[in-house]
Amino acid sequence: MSLQSILDYRRHVEDLIRTELATLSRDLDTQVEALRHLEGEVGRLLGDIARREREGVVAAEALALYRFAETLSSDITVRRREAAALSALLEDKRTGLMAAARDRRIVELLEARREQEGAREETRREQRTTDDAAGRRGREMSERAVTNE
């Protein structure tokens, strides 16, 4: 497997994690917004219950309102747990993204080193060719000088 295909794979993994990270972030934002909405509803409901109690609400109606407030509170608890789980998953994905980026950079460095080594080897070959040609030319000149004497 070539370094380029490994690098392409590493970039692909990094892109996938970025996409997952964006989706999780969006899901967490949605969850937090729903949580705020529920908390606002409970606050309004409790205010409404207090107002009605001052006005002399019927016991059955007050019980129904308290049960509804309890249901909303349970929903809030569930949403908080879900938001905490999403937040932990989001942090894991961030860590995964950093690791994927580090792995990609390592492969990029390896590829750059390989390219540099290839360039050095090419320079050495060219130098040997130049040295060989200069050596042949020097020998030919020496042989001509000997034959001309």
N, C-alpha and C. Protein backbone atom coordinates (compact mmCIF):
# COMPACT_ATOMS: atom_id res chain seq x y z
N MET A 1 0.86 -1.17 0.00
CA MET A 1 0.00 0.00 0.00
C MET A 1 0.90 1.24 0.00
N SER A 2 0.65 2.14 -0.90
CA SER A 2 1.50 3.33 -1.00
C SER A 2 1.14 4.36 0.07
N LEU A 3 2.09 5.24 0.33
CA LEU A 3 1.84 6.29 1.33
C LEU A 3 0.70 7.20 0.87
N GLN A 4 0.58 7.41 -0.43
CA GLN A 4 -0.49 8.29 -0.92
C GLN A 4 -1.86 7.69 -0.62
N SER A 5 -2.01 6.38 -0.80
CA SER A 5 -3.31 5.76 -0.50
C SER A 5 -3.58 5.78 1.00
N ILE A 6 -2.53 5.63 1.80
CA ILE A 6 -2.70 5.73 3.26
C ILE A 6 -3.10 7.16 3.63
N LEU A 7 -2.45 8.13 3.00
CA LEU A 7 -2.77 9.54 3.27
C LEU A 7 -4.21 9.84 2.85
N ASP A 8 -4.62 9.34 1.70
CA ASP A 8 -6.01 9.54 1.26
C ASP A 8 -6.99 8.94 2.26
N TYR A 9 -6.66 7.74 2.76
CA TYR A 9 -7.51 7.10 3.74
C TYR A 9 -7.58 7.92 5.03
N ARG A 10 -6.43 8.41 5.49
CA ARG A 10 -6.40 9.22 6.70
C ARG A 10 -7.23 10.49 6.53
N ARG A 11 -7.14 11.12 5.37
CA ARG A 11 -7.95 12.32 5.12
C ARG A 11 -9.43 11.98 5.12
N HIS A 12 -9.77 10.84 4.54
CA HIS A 12 -11.16 10.40 4.51
C HIS A 12 -11.69 10.17 5.93
N VAL A 13 -10.89 9.50 6.75
CA VAL A 13 -11.29 9.26 8.15
C VAL A 13 -11.49 10.59 8.87
N GLU A 14 -10.58 11.51 8.65
CA GLU A 14 -10.68 12.82 9.30
C GLU A 14 -11.95 13.55 8.85
N ASP A 15 -12.26 13.47 7.56
CA ASP A 15 -13.49 14.10 7.05
C ASP A 15 -14.74 13.47 7.65
N LEU A 16 -14.73 12.13 7.78
CA LEU A 16 -15.88 11.44 8.39
C LEU A 16 -16.08 11.89 9.84
N ILE A 17 -14.99 11.98 10.56
CA ILE A 17 -15.10 12.41 11.97
C ILE A 17 -15.59 13.84 12.05
N ARG A 18 -15.12 14.70 11.15
CA ARG A 18 -15.61 16.10 11.14
C ARG A 18 -17.11 16.14 10.88
N THR A 19 -17.58 15.31 9.95
CA THR A 19 -19.02 15.26 9.66
C THR A 19 -19.80 14.78 10.88
N GLU A 20 -19.30 13.72 11.52
CA GLU A 20 -19.96 13.21 12.73
C GLU A 20 -19.96 14.26 13.83
N LEU A 21 -18.86 14.98 13.95
CA LEU A 21 -18.74 16.03 14.95
C LEU A 21 -19.76 17.13 14.71
N ALA A 22 -19.92 17.52 13.45
CA ALA A 22 -20.89 18.56 13.11
C ALA A 22 -22.32 18.09 13.42
N THR A 23 -22.61 16.85 13.10
CA THR A 23 -23.95 16.30 13.37
C THR A 23 -24.21 16.24 14.87
N LEU A 24 -23.23 15.76 15.62
CA LEU A 24 -23.39 15.70 17.08
C LEU A 24 -23.55 17.09 17.68
N SER A 25 -22.80 18.02 17.18
CA SER A 25 -22.89 19.40 17.68
C SER A 25 -24.29 19.97 17.42
N ARG A 26 -24.79 19.71 16.23
CA ARG A 26 -26.14 20.17 15.87
C ARG A 26 -27.19 19.49 16.77
N ASP A 27 -27.02 18.18 16.99
CA ASP A 27 -27.95 17.44 17.85
C ASP A 27 -27.92 17.97 19.28
N LEU A 28 -26.72 18.27 19.77
CA LEU A 28 -26.60 18.81 21.13
C LEU A 28 -27.27 20.18 21.22
N ASP A 29 -27.06 21.02 20.22
CA ASP A 29 -27.72 22.33 20.21
C ASP A 29 -29.24 22.19 20.23
N THR A 30 -29.76 21.23 19.46
CA THR A 30 -31.20 20.98 19.42
C THR A 30 -31.69 20.51 20.79
N GLN A 31 -30.92 19.62 21.40
CA GLN A 31 -31.27 19.10 22.72
C GLN A 31 -31.28 20.21 23.77
N VAL A 32 -30.28 21.07 23.74
CA VAL A 32 -30.20 22.17 24.70
C VAL A 32 -31.36 23.14 24.50
N GLU A 33 -31.69 23.41 23.25
CA GLU A 33 -32.81 24.31 22.96
C GLU A 33 -34.13 23.70 23.47
N ALA A 34 -34.32 22.41 23.26
CA ALA A 34 -35.53 21.73 23.75
C ALA A 34 -35.57 21.77 25.28
N LEU A 35 -34.42 21.60 25.89
CA LEU A 35 -34.32 21.64 27.35
C LEU A 35 -34.72 23.03 27.87
N ARG A 36 -34.21 24.06 27.24
CA ARG A 36 -34.58 25.43 27.65
C ARG A 36 -36.08 25.65 27.51
N HIS A 37 -36.63 25.15 26.42
CA HIS A 37 -38.07 25.31 26.19
C HIS A 37 -38.87 24.60 27.29
N LEU A 38 -38.48 23.36 27.62
CA LEU A 38 -39.18 22.62 28.67
C LEU A 38 -39.05 23.32 30.02
N GLU A 39 -37.86 23.81 30.32
CA GLU A 39 -37.66 24.52 31.59
C GLU A 39 -38.54 25.77 31.66
N GLY A 40 -38.66 26.46 30.54
CA GLY A 40 -39.53 27.63 30.48
C GLY A 40 -40.99 27.25 30.69
N GLU A 41 -41.39 26.13 30.08
CA GLU A 41 -42.77 25.65 30.25
C GLU A 41 -43.06 25.31 31.70
N VAL A 42 -42.13 24.63 32.35
CA VAL A 42 -42.33 24.27 33.76
C VAL A 42 -42.43 25.54 34.60
N GLY A 43 -41.57 26.50 34.35
CA GLY A 43 -41.61 27.76 35.09
C GLY A 43 -42.95 28.46 34.92
N ARG A 44 -43.42 28.53 33.68
CA ARG A 44 -44.73 29.16 33.44
C ARG A 44 -45.86 28.38 34.10
N LEU A 45 -45.77 27.06 34.02
CA LEU A 45 -46.81 26.21 34.61
C LEU A 45 -46.84 26.36 36.13
N LEU A 46 -45.68 26.37 36.76
CA LEU A 46 -45.64 26.54 38.22
C LEU A 46 -46.17 27.92 38.62
N GLY A 47 -45.86 28.93 37.83
CA GLY A 47 -46.40 30.27 38.09
C GLY A 47 -47.91 30.26 37.95
N ASP A 48 -48.41 29.57 36.94
CA ASP A 48 -49.86 29.47 36.70
C ASP A 48 -50.54 28.72 37.86
N ILE A 49 -49.89 27.65 38.33
CA ILE A 49 -50.45 26.88 39.44
C ILE A 49 -50.53 27.76 40.70
N ALA A 50 -49.47 28.50 40.98
CA ALA A 50 -49.45 29.38 42.16
C ALA A 50 -50.55 30.43 42.05
N ARG A 51 -50.71 31.00 40.87
CA ARG A 51 -51.75 32.01 40.68
C ARG A 51 -53.13 31.40 40.90
N ARG A 52 -53.34 30.22 40.36
CA ARG A 52 -54.65 29.58 40.49
C ARG A 52 -54.94 29.17 41.94
N GLU A 53 -53.89 28.76 42.66
CA GLU A 53 -54.11 28.40 44.07
C GLU A 53 -54.54 29.62 44.88
N ARG A 54 -53.98 30.78 44.55
CA ARG A 54 -54.38 32.00 45.24
C ARG A 54 -55.84 32.34 44.92
N GLU A 55 -56.25 31.99 43.71
CA GLU A 55 -57.61 32.30 43.29
C GLU A 55 -58.60 31.24 43.77
N GLY A 56 -58.12 30.15 44.32
CA GLY A 56 -59.00 29.11 44.83
C GLY A 56 -59.35 28.08 43.76
N VAL A 57 -58.36 27.43 43.22
CA VAL A 57 -58.57 26.44 42.17
C VAL A 57 -59.16 25.16 42.76
N VAL A 58 -59.85 24.43 41.94
CA VAL A 58 -60.43 23.15 42.33
C VAL A 58 -59.29 22.15 42.52
N ALA A 59 -59.39 21.30 43.53
CA ALA A 59 -58.32 20.36 43.88
C ALA A 59 -57.97 19.43 42.72
N ALA A 60 -58.96 18.97 42.00
CA ALA A 60 -58.71 18.05 40.88
C ALA A 60 -57.91 18.75 39.78
N GLU A 61 -58.23 20.02 39.54
CA GLU A 61 -57.51 20.78 38.52
C GLU A 61 -56.07 21.02 38.97
N ALA A 62 -55.88 21.33 40.22
CA ALA A 62 -54.53 21.56 40.75
C ALA A 62 -53.70 20.27 40.66
N LEU A 63 -54.32 19.13 40.99
CA LEU A 63 -53.62 17.85 40.91
C LEU A 63 -53.21 17.57 39.47
N ALA A 64 -54.10 17.83 38.53
CA ALA A 64 -53.77 17.61 37.11
C ALA A 64 -52.61 18.50 36.67
N LEU A 65 -52.62 19.75 37.12
CA LEU A 65 -51.54 20.67 36.77
C LEU A 65 -50.21 20.22 37.40
N TYR A 66 -50.23 19.77 38.63
CA TYR A 66 -49.01 19.28 39.28
C TYR A 66 -48.47 18.03 38.58
N ARG A 67 -49.37 17.14 38.18
CA ARG A 67 -48.94 15.93 37.46
C ARG A 67 -48.31 16.31 36.12
N PHE A 68 -48.90 17.29 35.46
CA PHE A 68 -48.34 17.74 34.19
C PHE A 68 -46.96 18.36 34.42
N ALA A 69 -46.83 19.13 35.48
CA ALA A 69 -45.54 19.73 35.82
C ALA A 69 -44.52 18.63 36.15
N GLU A 70 -44.97 17.59 36.82
CA GLU A 70 -44.10 16.46 37.13
C GLU A 70 -43.64 15.75 35.86
N THR A 71 -44.55 15.58 34.91
CA THR A 71 -44.20 14.97 33.63
C THR A 71 -43.16 15.81 32.90
N LEU A 72 -43.38 17.12 32.89
CA LEU A 72 -42.41 18.01 32.24
C LEU A 72 -41.05 17.94 32.95
N SER A 73 -41.08 17.86 34.26
CA SER A 73 -39.82 17.75 35.02
C SER A 73 -39.10 16.45 34.69
N SER A 74 -39.85 15.37 34.53
CA SER A 74 -39.25 14.09 34.12
C SER A 74 -38.65 14.21 32.73
N ASP A 75 -39.36 14.88 31.84
CA ASP A 75 -38.83 15.10 30.49
C ASP A 75 -37.54 15.91 30.54
N ILE A 76 -37.51 16.88 31.43
CA ILE A 76 -36.30 17.70 31.59
C ILE A 76 -35.14 16.83 32.05
N THR A 77 -35.39 15.94 33.01
CA THR A 77 -34.35 15.05 33.51
C THR A 77 -33.81 14.16 32.39
N VAL A 78 -34.72 13.62 31.59
CA VAL A 78 -34.32 12.77 30.46
C VAL A 78 -33.50 13.58 29.47
N ARG A 79 -33.96 14.78 29.15
CA ARG A 79 -33.24 15.64 28.19
C ARG A 79 -31.84 16.01 28.72
N ARG A 80 -31.75 16.24 30.01
CA ARG A 80 -30.43 16.57 30.59
C ARG A 80 -29.47 15.39 30.45
N ARG A 81 -29.98 14.19 30.71
CA ARG A 81 -29.15 12.99 30.55
C ARG A 81 -28.72 12.83 29.09
N GLU A 82 -29.67 13.03 28.19
CA GLU A 82 -29.35 12.91 26.76
C GLU A 82 -28.33 13.97 26.35
N ALA A 83 -28.50 15.18 26.85
CA ALA A 83 -27.56 16.26 26.53
C ALA A 83 -26.18 15.93 27.09
N ALA A 84 -26.11 15.38 28.30
CA ALA A 84 -24.82 15.01 28.89
C ALA A 84 -24.16 13.90 28.08
N ALA A 85 -24.95 12.93 27.64
CA ALA A 85 -24.41 11.84 26.82
C ALA A 85 -23.90 12.38 25.49
N LEU A 86 -24.66 13.27 24.87
CA LEU A 86 -24.24 13.88 23.61
C LEU A 86 -22.97 14.70 23.81
N SER A 87 -22.90 15.40 24.91
CA SER A 87 -21.73 16.21 25.21
C SER A 87 -20.49 15.33 25.37
N ALA A 88 -20.64 14.21 26.06
CA ALA A 88 -19.51 13.27 26.24
C ALA A 88 -19.10 12.68 24.90
N LEU A 89 -20.09 12.32 24.09
CA LEU A 89 -19.79 11.77 22.76
C LEU A 89 -19.11 12.81 21.88
N LEU A 90 -19.56 14.03 21.99
CA LEU A 90 -18.96 15.13 21.24
C LEU A 90 -17.49 15.30 21.64
N GLU A 91 -17.22 15.21 22.92
CA GLU A 91 -15.83 15.33 23.39
C GLU A 91 -14.98 14.17 22.88
N ASP A 92 -15.55 12.97 22.87
CA ASP A 92 -14.84 11.80 22.32
C ASP A 92 -14.52 12.01 20.84
N LYS A 93 -15.48 12.55 20.10
CA LYS A 93 -15.26 12.79 18.67
C LYS A 93 -14.19 13.86 18.46
N ARG A 94 -14.18 14.87 19.32
CA ARG A 94 -13.13 15.90 19.21
C ARG A 94 -11.75 15.28 19.43
N THR A 95 -11.67 14.41 20.43
CA THR A 95 -10.42 13.71 20.70
C THR A 95 -10.04 12.84 19.50
N GLY A 96 -11.04 12.16 18.94
CA GLY A 96 -10.81 11.32 17.76
C GLY A 96 -10.36 12.14 16.56
N LEU A 97 -10.91 13.33 16.42
CA LEU A 97 -10.51 14.21 15.31
C LEU A 97 -9.07 14.65 15.49
N MET A 98 -8.70 14.98 16.71
CA MET A 98 -7.30 15.38 16.95
C MET A 98 -6.35 14.22 16.64
N ALA A 99 -6.74 13.01 17.03
CA ALA A 99 -5.90 11.84 16.75
C ALA A 99 -5.82 11.58 15.25
N ALA A 100 -6.95 11.71 14.56
CA ALA A 100 -6.95 11.49 13.11
C ALA A 100 -6.09 12.54 12.40
N ALA A 101 -6.16 13.78 12.85
CA ALA A 101 -5.34 14.84 12.26
C ALA A 101 -3.86 14.57 12.52
N ARG A 102 -3.55 14.11 13.71
CA ARG A 102 -2.15 13.77 14.04
C ARG A 102 -1.66 12.63 13.16
N ASP A 103 -2.48 11.60 12.99
CA ASP A 103 -2.11 10.46 12.14
C ASP A 103 -1.89 10.91 10.69
N ARG A 104 -2.76 11.79 10.21
CA ARG A 104 -2.61 12.29 8.84
C ARG A 104 -1.31 13.07 8.71
N ARG A 105 -1.01 13.92 9.68
CA ARG A 105 0.23 14.71 9.63
C ARG A 105 1.46 13.80 9.64
N ILE A 106 1.40 12.72 10.40
CA ILE A 106 2.53 11.77 10.44
C ILE A 106 2.74 11.17 9.05
N VAL A 107 1.66 10.76 8.41
CA VAL A 107 1.78 10.18 7.07
C VAL A 107 2.28 11.23 6.08
N GLU A 108 1.81 12.48 6.23
CA GLU A 108 2.30 13.54 5.35
C GLU A 108 3.80 13.75 5.54
N LEU A 109 4.26 13.72 6.79
CA LEU A 109 5.69 13.87 7.05
C LEU A 109 6.49 12.71 6.46
N LEU A 110 5.96 11.49 6.61
CA LEU A 110 6.63 10.33 6.03
C LEU A 110 6.73 10.46 4.51
N GLU A 111 5.65 10.91 3.90
CA GLU A 111 5.64 11.07 2.45
C GLU A 111 6.64 12.16 2.03
N ALA A 112 6.69 13.26 2.78
CA ALA A 112 7.63 14.33 2.46
C ALA A 112 9.07 13.83 2.60
N ARG A 113 9.34 13.06 3.64
CA ARG A 113 10.68 12.50 3.81
C ARG A 113 11.04 11.56 2.67
N ARG A 114 10.08 10.75 2.27
CA ARG A 114 10.33 9.83 1.15
C ARG A 114 10.62 10.61 -0.13
N GLU A 115 9.87 11.68 -0.36
CA GLU A 115 10.11 12.50 -1.54
C GLU A 115 11.49 13.16 -1.46
N GLN A 116 11.88 13.64 -0.28
CA GLN A 116 13.20 14.24 -0.12
C GLN A 116 14.30 13.21 -0.37
N GLU A 117 14.10 12.02 0.17
CA GLU A 117 15.09 10.97 -0.04
C GLU A 117 15.18 10.60 -1.52
N GLY A 118 14.05 10.56 -2.19
CA GLY A 118 14.04 10.29 -3.64
C GLY A 118 14.78 11.38 -4.40
N ALA A 119 14.57 12.63 -4.00
CA ALA A 119 15.27 13.74 -4.66
C ALA A 119 16.77 13.65 -4.40
N ARG A 120 17.16 13.30 -3.17
CA ARG A 120 18.59 13.15 -2.85
C ARG A 120 19.20 12.01 -3.67
N GLU A 121 18.48 10.92 -3.78
CA GLU A 121 18.98 9.78 -4.56
C GLU A 121 19.12 10.16 -6.03
N GLU A 122 18.18 10.91 -6.54
CA GLU A 122 18.26 11.37 -7.93
C GLU A 122 19.48 12.28 -8.11
N THR A 123 19.72 13.16 -7.15
CA THR A 123 20.89 14.04 -7.20
C THR A 123 22.17 13.23 -7.18
N ARG A 124 22.22 12.19 -6.32
CA ARG A 124 23.40 11.32 -6.27
C ARG A 124 23.63 10.61 -7.60
N ARG A 125 22.54 10.10 -8.21
CA ARG A 125 22.67 9.43 -9.51
C ARG A 125 23.20 10.39 -10.57
N GLU A 126 22.63 11.60 -10.57
CA GLU A 126 23.10 12.60 -11.54
C GLU A 126 24.56 12.94 -11.31
N GLN A 127 24.96 13.05 -10.05
CA GLN A 127 26.35 13.35 -9.72
C GLN A 127 27.26 12.22 -10.19
N ARG A 128 26.84 10.96 -9.95
CA ARG A 128 27.63 9.81 -10.41
C ARG A 128 27.76 9.81 -11.92
N THR A 129 26.66 10.10 -12.60
CA THR A 129 26.70 10.15 -14.06
C THR A 129 27.65 11.24 -14.53
N THR A 130 27.56 12.41 -13.90
CA THR A 130 28.45 13.52 -14.25
C THR A 130 29.90 13.15 -13.96
N ASP A 131 30.14 12.52 -12.79
CA ASP A 131 31.50 12.11 -12.43
C ASP A 131 32.03 11.06 -13.42
N ASP A 132 31.19 10.10 -13.78
CA ASP A 132 31.60 9.07 -14.74
C ASP A 132 31.95 9.69 -16.09
N ALA A 133 31.10 10.63 -16.53
CA ALA A 133 31.35 11.28 -17.82
C ALA A 133 32.65 12.09 -17.76
N ALA A 134 32.86 12.78 -16.65
CA ALA A 134 34.09 13.57 -16.51
C ALA A 134 35.30 12.65 -16.46
N GLY A 135 35.17 11.52 -15.79
CA GLY A 135 36.26 10.55 -15.73
C GLY A 135 36.60 9.97 -17.09
N ARG A 136 35.54 9.63 -17.86
CA ARG A 136 35.77 9.11 -19.22
C ARG A 136 36.45 10.16 -20.09
N ARG A 137 35.97 11.38 -19.99
CA ARG A 137 36.56 12.46 -20.79
C ARG A 137 38.01 12.68 -20.40
N GLY A 138 38.30 12.61 -19.10
CA GLY A 138 39.68 12.77 -18.64
C GLY A 138 40.56 11.64 -19.15
N ARG A 139 40.05 10.40 -19.13
CA ARG A 139 40.82 9.26 -19.63
C ARG A 139 41.04 9.39 -21.13
N GLU A 140 39.99 9.80 -21.83
CA GLU A 140 40.13 9.98 -23.29
C GLU A 140 41.17 11.04 -23.60
N MET A 141 41.17 12.11 -22.88
CA MET A 141 42.15 13.19 -23.10
C MET A 141 43.56 12.70 -22.79
N SER A 142 43.68 11.88 -21.74
CA SER A 142 44.99 11.32 -21.38
C SER A 142 45.48 10.38 -22.47
N GLU A 143 44.55 9.56 -22.97
CA GLU A 143 44.92 8.61 -24.03
C GLU A 143 45.32 9.37 -25.30
N ARG A 144 44.62 10.43 -25.62
CA ARG A 144 44.98 11.24 -26.81
C ARG A 144 46.34 11.88 -26.62
N ALA A 145 46.55 12.35 -25.41
CA ALA A 145 47.84 13.00 -25.14
C ALA A 145 48.97 12.00 -25.27
N VAL A 146 48.77 10.76 -24.85
CA VAL A 146 49.79 9.74 -24.95
C VAL A 146 50.00 9.34 -26.39
N THR A 147 48.94 9.23 -27.18
CA THR A 147 49.05 8.83 -28.57
C THR A 147 49.61 9.95 -29.44
N ASN A 148 49.45 11.15 -29.04
CA ASN A 148 49.97 12.30 -29.80
C ASN A 148 51.45 12.51 -29.54
N GLU A 149 51.99 11.96 -28.59
CA GLU A 149 53.40 12.18 -28.26
C GLU A 149 54.27 11.38 -29.11
